[in-house]
C-alpha atoms as a PDB file:
ATOM      1  CA  MET A   1      -0.079   0.019  -0.162  1.00  0.00           C
ATOM      2  CA  PRO A   2       1.455   3.436  -1.013  1.00  0.00           C
ATOM      3  CA  VAL A   3       2.313   5.622   1.589  1.00  0.00           C
ATOM      4  CA  PRO A   4       0.043   8.992   1.264  1.00  0.00           C
ATOM      5  CA  LYS A   5       2.293  12.147   0.367  1.00  0.00           C
ATOM      6  CA  PRO A   6       2.078  14.824   3.549  1.00  0.00           C
ATOM      7  CA  ARG A   7       0.065  17.822   2.387  1.00  0.00           C
ATOM      8  CA  LEU A   8       2.351  20.633   3.335  1.00  0.00           C
ATOM      9  CA  ARG A   9       0.980  24.225   3.780  1.00  0.00           C
ATOM     10  CA  HIS A  10       2.628  27.381   4.807  1.00  0.00           C
ATOM     11  CA  LYS A  11       1.310  28.551   8.288  1.00  0.00           C
ATOM     12  CA  HIS A  12       2.209  31.639  10.280  1.00  0.00           C
ATOM     13  CA  PHE A  13       2.441  31.093  14.248  1.00  0.00           C
ATOM     14  CA  ARG A  14       3.876  33.369  16.787  1.00  0.00           C
ATOM     15  CA  LEU A  15       5.541  30.947  19.355  1.00  0.00           C
ATOM     16  CA  ASP A  16       7.950  31.392  22.191  1.00  0.00           C
ATOM     17  CA  SER A  17      11.624  31.246  20.380  1.00  0.00           C
ATOM     18  CA  SER A  18      12.942  29.673  23.865  1.00  0.00           C
ATOM     19  CA  LYS A  19      10.276  27.056  23.785  1.00  0.00           C
ATOM     20  CA  ILE A  20      11.404  25.626  20.322  1.00  0.00           C
ATOM     21  CA  ALA A  21      15.367  26.271  21.056  1.00  0.00           C
ATOM     22  CA  ARG A  22      14.795  24.118  23.936  1.00  0.00           C
ATOM     23  CA  ALA A  23      12.703  21.576  21.918  1.00  0.00           C
ATOM     24  CA  GLN A  24      15.256  21.632  19.263  1.00  0.00           C
ATOM     25  CA  LYS A  25      17.966  20.607  21.601  1.00  0.00           C
ATOM     26  CA  LEU A  26      16.071  17.837  23.086  1.00  0.00           C
ATOM     27  CA  LEU A  27      15.059  16.085  19.914  1.00  0.00           C
ATOM     28  CA  ARG A  28      18.297  17.032  18.153  1.00  0.00           C
ATOM     29  CA  ALA A  29      16.332  18.387  15.198  1.00  0.00           C
ATOM     30  CA  ASP A  30      18.353  20.463  12.853  1.00  0.00           C
ATOM     31  CA  THR A  31      15.781  23.285  12.113  1.00  0.00           C
ATOM     32  CA  GLU A  32      12.801  24.687  13.795  1.00  0.00           C
ATOM     33  CA  THR A  33      10.290  23.416  11.316  1.00  0.00           C
ATOM     34  CA  GLU A  34      11.826  19.507  11.786  1.00  0.00           C
ATOM     35  CA  THR A  35      11.531  20.428  15.512  1.00  0.00           C
ATOM     36  CA  ILE A  36       7.764  21.265  15.744  1.00  0.00           C
ATOM     37  CA  GLU A  37       7.161  18.236  13.105  1.00  0.00           C
ATOM     38  CA  MET A  38       8.856  15.991  15.521  1.00  0.00           C
ATOM     39  CA  ALA A  39       7.008  17.361  18.703  1.00  0.00           C
ATOM     40  CA  LEU A  40       3.649  17.037  16.652  1.00  0.00           C
ATOM     41  CA  ASP A  41       4.563  13.408  16.137  1.00  0.00           C
ATOM     42  CA  LEU A  42       5.143  12.618  19.403  1.00  0.00           C
ATOM     43  CA  VAL A  43       1.909  14.167  20.557  1.00  0.00           C
ATOM     44  CA  LEU A  44       0.103  12.181  18.106  1.00  0.00           C
ATOM     45  CA  SER A  45       1.826   9.199  19.078  1.00  0.00           C
ATOM     46  CA  GLU A  46       1.388   9.710  22.739  1.00  0.00           C
ATOM     47  CA  HIS A  47      -2.070  10.017  22.315  1.00  0.00           C
ATOM     48  CA  ARG A  48      -2.711   6.845  20.378  1.00  0.00           C
ATOM     49  CA  ARG A  49      -1.150   4.976  22.948  1.00  0.00           C
ATOM     50  CA  ASN A  50      -3.067   6.498  25.735  1.00  0.00           C
ATOM     51  CA  GLN A  51      -6.037   5.716  23.475  1.00  0.00           C
ATOM     52  CA  LEU A  52      -4.945   1.865  23.504  1.00  0.00           C
ATOM     53  CA  ALA A  53      -3.789   1.832  27.007  1.00  0.00           C
ATOM     54  CA  TRP A  54      -7.635   2.881  27.928  1.00  0.00           C
ATOM     55  CA  GLU A  55      -9.150   0.350  25.669  1.00  0.00           C
ATOM     56  CA  GLY A  56      -7.131  -2.321  27.477  1.00  0.00           C
ATOM     57  CA  THR A  57      -8.183  -1.115  30.946  1.00  0.00           C
ATOM     58  CA  GLN A  58     -11.916  -0.912  29.624  1.00  0.00           C
ATOM     59  CA  ARG A  59     -11.309  -4.750  28.328  1.00  0.00           C
ATOM     60  CA  PHE A  60      -9.788  -5.717  31.476  1.00  0.00           C
ATOM     61  CA  LEU A  61     -12.748  -3.999  33.686  1.00  0.00           C
ATOM     62  CA  GLU A  62     -15.591  -5.355  31.416  1.00  0.00           C
ATOM     63  CA  SER A  63     -13.880  -8.782  31.603  1.00  0.00           C
ATOM     64  CA  GLY A  64     -15.118  -9.349  35.233  1.00  0.00           C
ATOM     65  CA  VAL A  65     -11.951 -10.352  36.710  1.00  0.00           C
ATOM     66  CA  GLU A  66     -11.684  -9.962  40.341  1.00  0.00           C
ATOM     67  CA  ILE A  67      -8.697  -8.584  41.831  1.00  0.00           C
ATOM     68  CA  ALA A  68      -7.541  -9.901  45.087  1.00  0.00           C
ATOM     69  CA  ASP A  69      -6.104  -7.458  47.968  1.00  0.00           C
ATOM     70  CA  VAL A  70      -3.392  -9.596  48.985  1.00  0.00           C
ATOM     71  CA  TYR A  71      -1.882  -6.933  51.054  1.00  0.00           C
ATOM     72  CA  GLY A  72      -4.952  -5.721  52.677  1.00  0.00           C
ATOM     73  CA  LYS A  73      -4.455  -2.117  51.299  1.00  0.00           C
ATOM     74  CA  LEU A  74      -7.405  -1.413  49.104  1.00  0.00           C
ATOM     75  CA  LYS A  75     -10.485   0.439  50.703  1.00  0.00           C
ATOM     76  CA  VAL A  76     -13.759  -2.088  50.390  1.00  0.00           C
END
């Protein structure tokens, strides 16, 4: 299956240059554009991981499994 070509558009934002510089250093990006692209990719992948974790939690809770409080620490 072919990979879709990204749609690039010119955008103009007022951003904190010190935040971009810090992110650029952390991400080891060459340009500010690359920094912002990488940051957006990280946000999107983190959101997907959170979605998958929540879906797994929901399936676990709906499975009816009982959790034993072997240490007696949970409030009943």
